[in-house]
Each structure stands twice: as C-alpha cells, then as structure tokens.
Amino acid sequence: MGPRDPLRGWHAARPAARPHRPADPLPLARRFAAAQARGALNPDLDPRLLVVSLIGLTMLPYAAAPLWRGIFANPQIGDETLVTHTLALLERGMEA
C-alpha cells in the first residue's frame, strides 16, 4: 500500500520471526483497508479487528458447540444452520 497505508507500522509490533505460524492476518487486514479506501467496506470498521471478528464469528460456534447446545437444549443445530446464520449476519447484520 502507499504512503497513506492505515496499517503502516503495525507489522513492527509483531515479532520478527515466528516459527510454525499457521496464518498471517496482516494480508487480510490490508485487503480490508484497501476495500475501505475504495469505499467498498464500512469505514467504521477497524481492518485488524475485522479479521479477529470474522475468526470469532466462524470458529467460536464450533469450538463452543457442546456448551451452547447444552444451554439451549438443542443438539440438532447442525453445520447448515450455522452457515446460514453466519452468512445472514455478515450480509444483513441484525436489520429487520
């Protein structure tokens, strides 16, 4: 990105070398920042936190399934329902 890169310097806070690192979120955050610069993404979102939010939105329901399925007494909620729900949140948020 150019001199107006909103994430410039962010990489400096990361350790120089991280062996066995499964994924680097920086390229994705930069893509989100570029989309914001083009006006294609909500300007109120922080690109770095958007990466974290998307990981939480997609991974947490699976990781916590035994807990929430017990709380809501509904073990029948499956993958298709989770995917439909997640996509609806991403596409339309909580609008009526």
N, C-alpha and C. Protein backbone atom coordinates (compact mmCIF):
# COMPACT_ATOMS: atom_id res chain seq x y z
N MET A 1 0.83 -1.18 0.00
CA MET A 1 0.00 0.00 0.00
C MET A 1 0.88 1.24 0.00
N GLY A 2 0.30 2.34 -0.35
CA GLY A 2 1.03 3.59 -0.49
C GLY A 2 1.32 4.26 0.84
N PRO A 3 1.74 5.51 0.77
CA PRO A 3 2.13 6.25 1.97
C PRO A 3 0.96 6.49 2.93
N ARG A 4 -0.28 6.37 2.48
CA ARG A 4 -1.43 6.58 3.34
C ARG A 4 -1.93 5.25 3.92
N ASP A 5 -1.09 4.27 3.95
CA ASP A 5 -1.43 2.93 4.45
C ASP A 5 -1.83 3.02 5.92
N PRO A 6 -3.10 2.75 6.26
CA PRO A 6 -3.53 2.86 7.66
C PRO A 6 -2.90 1.80 8.55
N LEU A 7 -2.32 0.77 7.96
CA LEU A 7 -1.70 -0.29 8.76
C LEU A 7 -0.18 -0.17 8.78
N ARG A 8 0.36 0.90 8.18
CA ARG A 8 1.82 1.07 8.14
C ARG A 8 2.35 1.12 9.57
N GLY A 9 3.37 0.36 9.83
CA GLY A 9 3.97 0.32 11.15
C GLY A 9 3.36 -0.73 12.06
N TRP A 10 2.19 -1.23 11.69
CA TRP A 10 1.54 -2.24 12.52
C TRP A 10 2.39 -3.51 12.60
N HIS A 11 3.02 -3.87 11.49
CA HIS A 11 3.84 -5.07 11.47
C HIS A 11 5.04 -4.95 12.41
N ALA A 12 5.44 -3.74 12.72
CA ALA A 12 6.60 -3.56 13.61
C ALA A 12 6.33 -4.07 15.02
N ALA A 13 5.07 -4.14 15.39
CA ALA A 13 4.72 -4.62 16.73
C ALA A 13 4.78 -6.14 16.82
N ARG A 14 4.87 -6.80 15.68
CA ARG A 14 4.93 -8.26 15.68
C ARG A 14 6.37 -8.73 15.84
N PRO A 15 6.56 -9.90 16.42
CA PRO A 15 7.91 -10.45 16.50
C PRO A 15 8.48 -10.68 15.10
N ALA A 16 9.78 -10.53 14.97
CA ALA A 16 10.42 -10.66 13.66
C ALA A 16 10.26 -12.07 13.09
N ALA A 17 10.39 -13.08 13.90
CA ALA A 17 10.29 -14.45 13.41
C ALA A 17 9.37 -15.24 14.33
N ARG A 18 8.44 -15.93 13.72
CA ARG A 18 7.51 -16.79 14.47
C ARG A 18 7.46 -18.14 13.78
N PRO A 19 8.22 -19.09 14.26
CA PRO A 19 8.19 -20.40 13.62
C PRO A 19 6.83 -21.06 13.84
N HIS A 20 6.40 -21.86 12.88
CA HIS A 20 5.16 -22.64 12.94
C HIS A 20 3.92 -21.77 13.04
N ARG A 21 3.98 -20.60 12.48
CA ARG A 21 2.83 -19.70 12.48
C ARG A 21 1.84 -20.18 11.42
N PRO A 22 0.60 -20.51 11.81
CA PRO A 22 -0.33 -21.10 10.85
C PRO A 22 -0.84 -20.14 9.78
N ALA A 23 -1.04 -18.88 10.13
CA ALA A 23 -1.54 -17.93 9.15
C ALA A 23 -1.15 -16.52 9.56
N ASP A 24 -0.99 -15.68 8.58
CA ASP A 24 -0.64 -14.29 8.85
C ASP A 24 -1.86 -13.43 8.54
N PRO A 25 -2.45 -12.78 9.55
CA PRO A 25 -3.65 -11.99 9.32
C PRO A 25 -3.38 -10.64 8.64
N LEU A 26 -2.13 -10.21 8.58
CA LEU A 26 -1.82 -8.90 8.02
C LEU A 26 -2.27 -8.73 6.57
N PRO A 27 -2.03 -9.70 5.67
CA PRO A 27 -2.51 -9.51 4.28
C PRO A 27 -4.03 -9.33 4.21
N LEU A 28 -4.76 -10.06 5.01
CA LEU A 28 -6.21 -9.92 5.00
C LEU A 28 -6.63 -8.55 5.53
N ALA A 29 -5.99 -8.10 6.60
CA ALA A 29 -6.29 -6.77 7.14
C ALA A 29 -5.96 -5.69 6.11
N ARG A 30 -4.90 -5.87 5.37
CA ARG A 30 -4.56 -4.90 4.32
C ARG A 30 -5.58 -4.90 3.20
N ARG A 31 -6.11 -6.06 2.87
CA ARG A 31 -7.16 -6.12 1.84
C ARG A 31 -8.41 -5.39 2.32
N PHE A 32 -8.74 -5.55 3.59
CA PHE A 32 -9.89 -4.84 4.15
C PHE A 32 -9.64 -3.33 4.11
N ALA A 33 -8.43 -2.90 4.46
CA ALA A 33 -8.09 -1.48 4.44
C ALA A 33 -8.18 -0.93 3.01
N ALA A 34 -7.74 -1.71 2.04
CA ALA A 34 -7.82 -1.28 0.64
C ALA A 34 -9.29 -1.17 0.21
N ALA A 35 -10.12 -2.10 0.65
CA ALA A 35 -11.54 -2.04 0.33
C ALA A 35 -12.18 -0.79 0.94
N GLN A 36 -11.76 -0.44 2.14
CA GLN A 36 -12.25 0.79 2.76
C GLN A 36 -11.84 2.01 1.94
N ALA A 37 -10.61 2.02 1.50
CA ALA A 37 -10.10 3.17 0.72
C ALA A 37 -10.89 3.33 -0.59
N ARG A 38 -11.37 2.21 -1.15
CA ARG A 38 -12.18 2.26 -2.38
C ARG A 38 -13.64 2.57 -2.09
N GLY A 39 -14.00 2.61 -0.81
CA GLY A 39 -15.39 2.86 -0.45
C GLY A 39 -16.26 1.62 -0.49
N ALA A 40 -15.63 0.44 -0.54
CA ALA A 40 -16.37 -0.82 -0.65
C ALA A 40 -16.61 -1.49 0.70
N LEU A 41 -16.12 -0.91 1.77
CA LEU A 41 -16.25 -1.52 3.10
C LEU A 41 -16.54 -0.41 4.11
N ASN A 42 -17.38 -0.72 5.03
CA ASN A 42 -17.79 0.22 6.08
C ASN A 42 -16.55 0.92 6.68
N PRO A 43 -16.50 2.24 6.64
CA PRO A 43 -15.34 2.96 7.16
C PRO A 43 -15.24 2.94 8.69
N ASP A 44 -16.30 2.55 9.37
CA ASP A 44 -16.27 2.49 10.83
C ASP A 44 -15.60 1.23 11.36
N LEU A 45 -15.30 0.29 10.47
CA LEU A 45 -14.65 -0.95 10.90
C LEU A 45 -13.14 -0.79 10.93
N ASP A 46 -12.52 -1.38 11.94
CA ASP A 46 -11.06 -1.42 12.01
C ASP A 46 -10.63 -2.70 11.27
N PRO A 47 -9.83 -2.58 10.21
CA PRO A 47 -9.45 -3.76 9.42
C PRO A 47 -8.81 -4.87 10.26
N ARG A 48 -8.02 -4.50 11.26
CA ARG A 48 -7.37 -5.50 12.09
C ARG A 48 -8.39 -6.24 12.94
N LEU A 49 -9.32 -5.49 13.51
CA LEU A 49 -10.34 -6.13 14.35
C LEU A 49 -11.35 -6.90 13.52
N LEU A 50 -11.51 -6.52 12.27
CA LEU A 50 -12.41 -7.27 11.39
C LEU A 50 -11.89 -8.69 11.20
N VAL A 51 -10.59 -8.85 11.08
CA VAL A 51 -10.00 -10.19 10.98
C VAL A 51 -10.36 -11.00 12.23
N VAL A 52 -10.17 -10.41 13.40
CA VAL A 52 -10.47 -11.08 14.66
C VAL A 52 -11.96 -11.41 14.75
N SER A 53 -12.80 -10.46 14.36
CA SER A 53 -14.25 -10.67 14.43
C SER A 53 -14.69 -11.81 13.53
N LEU A 54 -14.14 -11.86 12.32
CA LEU A 54 -14.53 -12.92 11.40
C LEU A 54 -14.08 -14.29 11.90
N ILE A 55 -12.91 -14.35 12.49
CA ILE A 55 -12.45 -15.62 13.06
C ILE A 55 -13.38 -16.04 14.19
N GLY A 56 -13.73 -15.09 15.05
CA GLY A 56 -14.64 -15.40 16.15
C GLY A 56 -16.01 -15.82 15.67
N LEU A 57 -16.52 -15.14 14.67
CA LEU A 57 -17.85 -15.44 14.15
C LEU A 57 -17.90 -16.81 13.49
N THR A 58 -16.82 -17.23 12.90
CA THR A 58 -16.82 -18.51 12.19
C THR A 58 -16.30 -19.68 13.03
N MET A 59 -15.39 -19.45 13.94
CA MET A 59 -14.78 -20.55 14.69
C MET A 59 -15.42 -20.81 16.05
N LEU A 60 -15.80 -19.74 16.75
CA LEU A 60 -16.33 -19.90 18.10
C LEU A 60 -17.56 -20.80 18.18
N PRO A 61 -18.52 -20.68 17.27
CA PRO A 61 -19.69 -21.56 17.37
C PRO A 61 -19.32 -23.05 17.36
N TYR A 62 -18.32 -23.41 16.60
CA TYR A 62 -17.88 -24.81 16.57
C TYR A 62 -17.11 -25.19 17.83
N ALA A 63 -16.24 -24.31 18.26
CA ALA A 63 -15.43 -24.60 19.45
C ALA A 63 -16.30 -24.69 20.71
N ALA A 64 -17.34 -23.87 20.78
CA ALA A 64 -18.19 -23.82 21.97
C ALA A 64 -19.49 -24.61 21.81
N ALA A 65 -19.62 -25.38 20.76
CA ALA A 65 -20.86 -26.11 20.49
C ALA A 65 -21.34 -26.96 21.67
N PRO A 66 -20.50 -27.72 22.33
CA PRO A 66 -21.02 -28.51 23.45
C PRO A 66 -21.65 -27.64 24.54
N LEU A 67 -21.10 -26.48 24.75
CA LEU A 67 -21.64 -25.58 25.77
C LEU A 67 -22.98 -25.00 25.36
N TRP A 68 -23.04 -24.33 24.20
CA TRP A 68 -24.30 -23.67 23.82
C TRP A 68 -25.38 -24.66 23.44
N ARG A 69 -25.01 -25.83 22.94
CA ARG A 69 -26.04 -26.83 22.65
C ARG A 69 -26.68 -27.33 23.94
N GLY A 70 -25.88 -27.39 25.00
CA GLY A 70 -26.43 -27.78 26.30
C GLY A 70 -27.30 -26.68 26.90
N ILE A 71 -26.87 -25.43 26.76
CA ILE A 71 -27.63 -24.31 27.31
C ILE A 71 -28.99 -24.19 26.62
N PHE A 72 -29.00 -24.29 25.30
CA PHE A 72 -30.24 -24.14 24.56
C PHE A 72 -30.98 -25.46 24.36
N ALA A 73 -30.44 -26.53 24.91
CA ALA A 73 -31.06 -27.86 24.82
C ALA A 73 -31.46 -28.18 23.39
N ASN A 74 -30.54 -27.93 22.44
CA ASN A 74 -30.86 -28.19 21.05
C ASN A 74 -29.65 -28.74 20.31
N PRO A 75 -29.36 -30.03 20.48
CA PRO A 75 -28.21 -30.60 19.78
C PRO A 75 -28.44 -30.75 18.28
N GLN A 76 -29.66 -30.48 17.79
CA GLN A 76 -29.97 -30.66 16.37
C GLN A 76 -29.45 -29.53 15.48
N ILE A 77 -29.00 -28.43 16.07
CA ILE A 77 -28.47 -27.35 15.24
C ILE A 77 -27.18 -27.85 14.61
N GLY A 78 -27.19 -27.97 13.29
CA GLY A 78 -26.05 -28.53 12.58
C GLY A 78 -25.27 -27.51 11.78
N ASP A 79 -24.35 -28.02 10.98
CA ASP A 79 -23.47 -27.16 10.18
C ASP A 79 -24.25 -26.26 9.23
N GLU A 80 -25.26 -26.79 8.56
CA GLU A 80 -26.01 -25.99 7.60
C GLU A 80 -26.70 -24.80 8.28
N THR A 81 -27.26 -25.04 9.45
CA THR A 81 -27.90 -23.95 10.19
C THR A 81 -26.88 -22.91 10.62
N LEU A 82 -25.71 -23.36 11.10
CA LEU A 82 -24.66 -22.42 11.50
C LEU A 82 -24.17 -21.58 10.32
N VAL A 83 -23.98 -22.21 9.18
CA VAL A 83 -23.52 -21.49 7.99
C VAL A 83 -24.56 -20.47 7.55
N THR A 84 -25.82 -20.87 7.49
CA THR A 84 -26.89 -19.96 7.09
C THR A 84 -26.97 -18.76 8.04
N HIS A 85 -26.88 -19.03 9.32
CA HIS A 85 -26.94 -17.97 10.33
C HIS A 85 -25.76 -17.01 10.19
N THR A 86 -24.56 -17.54 10.04
CA THR A 86 -23.36 -16.72 9.93
C THR A 86 -23.40 -15.85 8.68
N LEU A 87 -23.80 -16.43 7.56
CA LEU A 87 -23.89 -15.65 6.33
C LEU A 87 -24.95 -14.55 6.43
N ALA A 88 -26.06 -14.85 7.08
CA ALA A 88 -27.10 -13.82 7.27
C ALA A 88 -26.56 -12.66 8.11
N LEU A 89 -25.79 -12.98 9.16
CA LEU A 89 -25.19 -11.92 9.97
C LEU A 89 -24.22 -11.07 9.15
N LEU A 90 -23.40 -11.72 8.35
CA LEU A 90 -22.43 -10.99 7.55
C LEU A 90 -23.08 -10.16 6.46
N GLU A 91 -24.13 -10.68 5.84
CA GLU A 91 -24.77 -9.99 4.73
C GLU A 91 -25.73 -8.89 5.17
N ARG A 92 -26.47 -9.13 6.26
CA ARG A 92 -27.52 -8.20 6.62
C ARG A 92 -27.47 -7.74 8.07
N GLY A 93 -26.53 -8.23 8.84
CA GLY A 93 -26.43 -7.83 10.23
C GLY A 93 -27.68 -8.19 10.99
N MET A 94 -28.15 -7.28 11.82
CA MET A 94 -29.34 -7.55 12.62
C MET A 94 -30.52 -6.69 12.18
N GLU A 95 -30.49 -6.28 10.91
CA GLU A 95 -31.61 -5.47 10.41
C GLU A 95 -32.90 -6.28 10.39
N ALA A 96 -34.02 -5.57 10.47
CA ALA A 96 -35.33 -6.25 10.48
C ALA A 96 -35.71 -6.70 9.10
